[in-house]
């Protein structure tokens, strides 16, 4: 590396190692001195790069050890939107998405009011499990109204599109505008336990109900994301009046 290497490039280097599994949860990160020597930069630059990784939830401080790699993270929607814009896929390095089920169901008490339809109205659902380096991160059930399926029939197939919401927004001719995310906890269902590899009798999971709005006010997706206790869920809220609204992880 050259003297012109910046903190963002250093952060990107270690971010990729973590996402690709070269650095695994619990591994100790190199010291700031080692990073400075490797990249030929001042330790202040190395420290700034490590602050970025910590803010992204990729690393954690550990007393007497230094900095370690955190457990698998269920990325927030803002991160996935940016990733899709830059790579054409909402999946990060080392991530896979397996579609478990597609079909039509009646909108329940969670989905119906968020899609602004009557209880029991037929809506399309896609259930999938996202894993990172072979470890299940979360199970997600995405619900779509009829006008979304009308323009994106691909969502009725039992295959991953790499960006279903982005495809629907493009076909509907309206950009994604904002998201409301509601976080609760509850007991996992048997199917969720099986998908996440959870074996205890009663397992409490984190549930994130996500309603995504387009710039024209229509809802493009209501998703119910469930993550086990081993998955780190974090979110950041911008305090800058010019920044975006807070996004849950």
Protein backbone atom coordinates (compact mmCIF):
# COMPACT_ATOMS: atom_id res chain seq x y z
CA UNK A 1 0.00 0.00 0.00
CA UNK A 2 1.13 3.58 -0.59
CA UNK A 3 1.31 6.63 1.65
CA UNK A 4 -1.83 7.95 -0.03
CA UNK A 5 -4.00 5.16 1.38
CA UNK A 6 -6.87 6.74 3.28
CA UNK A 7 -8.89 5.53 6.24
CA UNK A 8 -11.89 4.65 4.02
CA UNK A 9 -9.74 2.31 1.90
CA UNK A 10 -8.37 0.64 5.03
CA UNK A 11 -11.88 0.21 6.41
CA UNK A 12 -13.02 -1.25 3.07
CA UNK A 13 -10.11 -3.73 3.13
CA UNK A 14 -11.03 -5.13 6.54
CA UNK A 15 -14.76 -4.92 5.84
CA UNK A 16 -14.29 -7.24 2.87
CA UNK A 17 -12.17 -9.65 4.94
CA UNK A 18 -14.94 -9.82 7.54
CA UNK A 19 -17.72 -10.21 4.99
CA UNK A 20 -15.81 -12.87 3.03
CA UNK A 21 -15.04 -14.87 6.19
CA UNK A 22 -11.26 -14.39 6.18
CA UNK A 23 -11.79 -12.73 9.55
CA UNK A 24 -14.43 -14.62 11.51
CA UNK A 25 -16.53 -13.69 14.57
CA UNK A 26 -14.32 -13.60 17.66
CA UNK A 27 -11.06 -13.16 15.72
CA UNK A 28 -8.73 -10.47 17.03
CA UNK A 29 -8.10 -7.56 14.68
CA UNK A 30 -4.50 -6.38 14.13
CA UNK A 31 -3.28 -3.61 16.40
CA UNK A 32 -3.26 0.01 15.24
CA UNK A 33 0.52 -0.17 15.05
CA UNK A 34 0.34 -3.24 12.79
CA UNK A 35 -2.27 -1.57 10.58
CA UNK A 36 -0.14 1.58 10.36
CA UNK A 37 2.92 -0.42 9.33
CA UNK A 38 1.00 -2.55 6.83
CA UNK A 39 -0.59 0.40 5.05
CA UNK A 40 2.25 2.86 5.67
CA UNK A 41 -0.04 5.34 7.43
CA UNK A 42 -0.14 7.12 10.76
CA UNK A 43 -1.88 5.37 13.64
CA UNK A 44 -4.45 8.19 13.68
CA UNK A 45 -5.51 7.09 10.17
CA UNK A 46 -5.67 3.45 11.29
CA UNK A 47 -7.73 4.46 14.32
CA UNK A 48 -10.16 6.37 12.12
CA UNK A 49 -10.61 3.29 9.90
CA UNK A 50 -11.29 1.11 12.96
CA UNK A 51 -13.85 3.64 14.21
CA UNK A 52 -15.75 3.17 10.92
CA UNK A 53 -15.80 -0.62 11.36
CA UNK A 54 -17.00 -0.24 14.94
CA UNK A 55 -19.76 2.19 13.92
CA UNK A 56 -20.90 -0.31 11.26
CA UNK A 57 -21.19 -3.00 13.93
CA UNK A 58 -18.47 -5.15 12.36
CA UNK A 59 -16.07 -5.02 15.33
CA UNK A 60 -16.25 -4.71 19.10
CA UNK A 61 -13.74 -3.66 21.78
CA UNK A 62 -12.70 -6.43 24.19
CA UNK A 63 -10.92 -5.61 27.43
CA UNK A 64 -7.40 -7.00 27.60
CA UNK A 65 -7.51 -8.11 23.96
CA UNK A 66 -8.14 -5.08 21.74
CA UNK A 67 -10.61 -5.16 18.88
CA UNK A 68 -12.42 -8.33 17.81
CA UNK A 69 -14.74 -9.23 14.95
CA UNK A 70 -18.41 -9.10 15.96
CA UNK A 71 -20.95 -11.81 15.21
CA UNK A 72 -23.03 -11.95 12.02
CA UNK A 73 -24.98 -8.75 11.41
CA UNK A 74 -28.37 -8.42 9.82
CA UNK A 75 -27.70 -5.34 7.69
CA UNK A 76 -30.16 -2.48 7.78
CA UNK A 77 -32.17 -1.52 4.73
CA UNK A 78 -30.16 1.63 4.02
CA UNK A 79 -26.96 -0.43 3.74
CA UNK A 80 -28.65 -2.87 1.37
CA UNK A 81 -30.07 -0.08 -0.80
CA UNK A 82 -26.59 1.47 -1.14
CA UNK A 83 -25.09 -1.96 -1.85
CA UNK A 84 -27.63 -2.61 -4.62
CA UNK A 85 -26.94 0.80 -6.16
CA UNK A 86 -23.19 0.09 -6.32
CA UNK A 87 -23.13 -3.64 -7.16
CA UNK A 88 -26.55 -4.53 -8.56
CA UNK A 89 -27.20 -6.92 -5.65
CA UNK A 90 -28.49 -6.32 -2.13
CA UNK A 91 -26.35 -9.20 -0.83
CA UNK A 92 -22.95 -8.47 0.70
CA UNK A 93 -19.82 -10.56 0.30
CA UNK A 94 -20.24 -14.08 1.66
CA UNK A 95 -24.02 -13.74 1.80
CA UNK A 96 -26.53 -16.06 0.17
CA UNK A 97 -30.31 -15.86 -0.03
CA UNK A 98 -32.40 -19.03 -0.20
CA UNK A 99 -36.06 -18.61 -1.09
CA UNK A 100 -38.06 -20.97 1.11
CA UNK A 101 -41.58 -20.28 -0.11
CA UNK A 102 -43.59 -18.11 -2.51
CA UNK A 103 -47.35 -17.89 -2.75
CA UNK A 104 -50.54 -16.04 -1.89
CA UNK A 105 -51.82 -15.59 1.66
CA UNK A 106 -54.49 -13.54 3.39
CA UNK A 107 -53.12 -10.35 4.92
CA UNK A 108 -52.99 -10.78 8.71
CA UNK A 109 -53.16 -8.27 11.55
CA UNK A 110 -49.53 -7.24 10.97
CA UNK A 111 -49.58 -6.92 7.18
CA UNK A 112 -53.11 -5.66 6.44
CA UNK A 113 -52.94 -2.24 8.11
CA UNK A 114 -49.47 -1.54 6.75
CA UNK A 115 -50.56 -2.33 3.20
CA UNK A 116 -53.82 -0.45 3.84
CA UNK A 117 -55.98 -3.41 2.84
CA UNK A 118 -58.77 -5.28 4.60
CA UNK A 119 -57.85 -8.23 6.83
CA UNK A 120 -57.73 -11.39 4.72
CA UNK A 121 -57.08 -9.60 1.41
CA UNK A 122 -54.89 -11.83 -0.83
CA UNK A 123 -51.27 -10.62 -0.92
CA UNK A 124 -48.15 -12.22 -2.32
CA UNK A 125 -45.45 -13.47 0.06
CA UNK A 126 -41.81 -14.45 -0.45
CA UNK A 127 -40.07 -16.15 2.49
CA UNK A 128 -36.30 -16.54 2.47
CA UNK A 129 -33.34 -17.10 4.76
CA UNK A 130 -30.21 -14.99 4.40
CA UNK A 131 -26.92 -16.58 5.50
CA UNK A 132 -23.41 -15.22 5.78
CA UNK A 133 -20.53 -17.63 5.27
CA UNK A 134 -22.97 -20.49 5.82
CA UNK A 135 -24.39 -19.09 9.08
CA UNK A 136 -28.11 -18.13 9.02
CA UNK A 137 -28.50 -14.41 9.77
CA UNK A 138 -32.23 -13.82 9.45
CA UNK A 139 -35.47 -15.13 8.03
CA UNK A 140 -37.54 -12.61 6.11
CA UNK A 141 -41.09 -12.72 4.80
CA UNK A 142 -41.84 -10.00 2.23
CA UNK A 143 -45.46 -9.15 1.44
CA UNK A 144 -46.43 -7.39 -1.80
CA UNK A 145 -49.75 -5.86 -2.90
CA UNK A 146 -51.33 -6.82 -6.23
CA UNK A 147 -50.02 -3.74 -8.08
CA UNK A 148 -46.44 -4.78 -7.31
CA UNK A 149 -46.91 -8.34 -8.58
CA UNK A 150 -48.65 -7.03 -11.71
CA UNK A 151 -45.43 -5.33 -12.85
CA UNK A 152 -42.91 -7.79 -11.34
CA UNK A 153 -44.17 -11.33 -12.04
CA UNK A 154 -40.61 -12.54 -11.36
CA UNK A 155 -41.48 -12.32 -7.66
CA UNK A 156 -43.79 -15.31 -8.03
CA UNK A 157 -40.85 -17.59 -8.91
CA UNK A 158 -38.98 -19.66 -6.33
CA UNK A 159 -35.65 -17.98 -7.10
CA UNK A 160 -33.73 -15.07 -5.62
CA UNK A 161 -33.83 -11.86 -7.66
CA UNK A 162 -30.93 -10.18 -5.83
CA UNK A 163 -33.08 -7.08 -5.25
CA UNK A 164 -36.85 -7.69 -5.40
CA UNK A 165 -37.82 -4.34 -3.90
CA UNK A 166 -35.50 -2.43 -6.21
CA UNK A 167 -36.90 -4.25 -9.25
CA UNK A 168 -40.46 -3.45 -8.20
CA UNK A 169 -39.66 0.22 -7.58
CA UNK A 170 -38.06 0.49 -11.01
CA UNK A 171 -41.05 -1.11 -12.74
CA UNK A 172 -43.47 1.12 -10.84
CA UNK A 173 -41.49 4.19 -11.92
CA UNK A 174 -41.05 5.58 -8.42
CA UNK A 175 -37.92 5.58 -6.24
CA UNK A 176 -37.78 4.21 -2.71
CA UNK A 177 -38.32 7.13 -0.37
CA UNK A 178 -38.41 6.08 3.27
CA UNK A 179 -38.95 3.11 5.55
CA UNK A 180 -40.73 2.62 8.87
CA UNK A 181 -39.19 -0.15 10.98
CA UNK A 182 -40.87 -1.46 14.13
CA UNK A 183 -38.80 -3.67 16.42
CA UNK A 184 -40.30 -6.16 18.87
CA UNK A 185 -39.39 -9.53 20.38
CA UNK A 186 -41.37 -12.75 20.57
CA UNK A 187 -40.99 -16.52 20.61
CA UNK A 188 -39.79 -18.14 17.39
CA UNK A 189 -42.10 -20.40 15.43
CA UNK A 190 -40.99 -23.95 14.66
CA UNK A 191 -40.30 -23.06 11.01
CA UNK A 192 -38.21 -20.03 12.04
CA UNK A 193 -36.22 -22.14 14.49
CA UNK A 194 -35.50 -24.69 11.77
CA UNK A 195 -34.41 -22.03 9.26
CA UNK A 196 -32.14 -20.27 11.77
CA UNK A 197 -30.68 -23.46 13.25
CA UNK A 198 -32.11 -22.78 16.73
CA UNK A 199 -32.60 -25.89 18.85
CA UNK A 200 -33.85 -24.76 22.28
CA UNK A 201 -37.45 -25.44 23.21
CA UNK A 202 -38.49 -21.81 23.54
CA UNK A 203 -36.35 -19.23 21.74
CA UNK A 204 -36.91 -15.48 21.87
CA UNK A 205 -36.15 -13.75 18.57
CA UNK A 206 -36.08 -10.16 17.42
CA UNK A 207 -38.76 -9.20 14.90
CA UNK A 208 -38.44 -6.16 12.64
CA UNK A 209 -41.55 -5.16 10.69
CA UNK A 210 -40.43 -2.97 7.80
CA UNK A 211 -42.78 -0.88 5.65
CA UNK A 212 -41.09 0.65 2.59
CA UNK A 213 -42.67 3.63 0.85
CA UNK A 214 -42.05 4.95 -2.65
CA UNK A 215 -41.70 8.64 -3.44
CA UNK A 216 -45.28 8.65 -4.76
CA UNK A 217 -46.59 7.45 -1.38
CA UNK A 218 -47.34 3.85 -2.35
CA UNK A 219 -46.06 0.95 -0.24
CA UNK A 220 -43.77 -1.31 -2.24
CA UNK A 221 -43.15 -3.93 0.47
CA UNK A 222 -44.01 -4.93 4.01
CA UNK A 223 -41.35 -7.29 5.34
CA UNK A 224 -41.21 -9.20 8.60
CA UNK A 225 -37.60 -10.00 9.46
CA UNK A 226 -36.74 -12.40 12.30
CA UNK A 227 -33.25 -12.81 13.75
CA UNK A 228 -31.95 -15.09 16.48
CA UNK A 229 -30.11 -13.99 19.57
CA UNK A 230 -26.70 -14.65 17.99
CA UNK A 231 -27.35 -12.02 15.34
CA UNK A 232 -26.36 -8.45 16.14
CA UNK A 233 -29.05 -5.92 15.31
CA UNK A 234 -28.01 -2.26 15.39
CA UNK A 235 -29.36 0.96 13.92
CA UNK A 236 -28.16 4.53 13.61
CA UNK A 237 -30.20 7.71 13.38
CA UNK A 238 -28.88 10.82 11.67
CA UNK A 239 -29.07 13.96 13.81
CA UNK A 240 -28.26 16.09 10.77
CA UNK A 241 -31.36 17.86 9.46
CA UNK A 242 -30.12 17.09 5.94
CA UNK A 243 -29.62 13.41 6.70
CA UNK A 244 -31.96 10.50 6.21
CA UNK A 245 -34.32 9.17 8.85
CA UNK A 246 -33.12 6.47 11.19
CA UNK A 247 -32.94 2.96 9.76
CA UNK A 248 -33.23 -0.21 11.83
CA UNK A 249 -30.96 -3.15 11.35
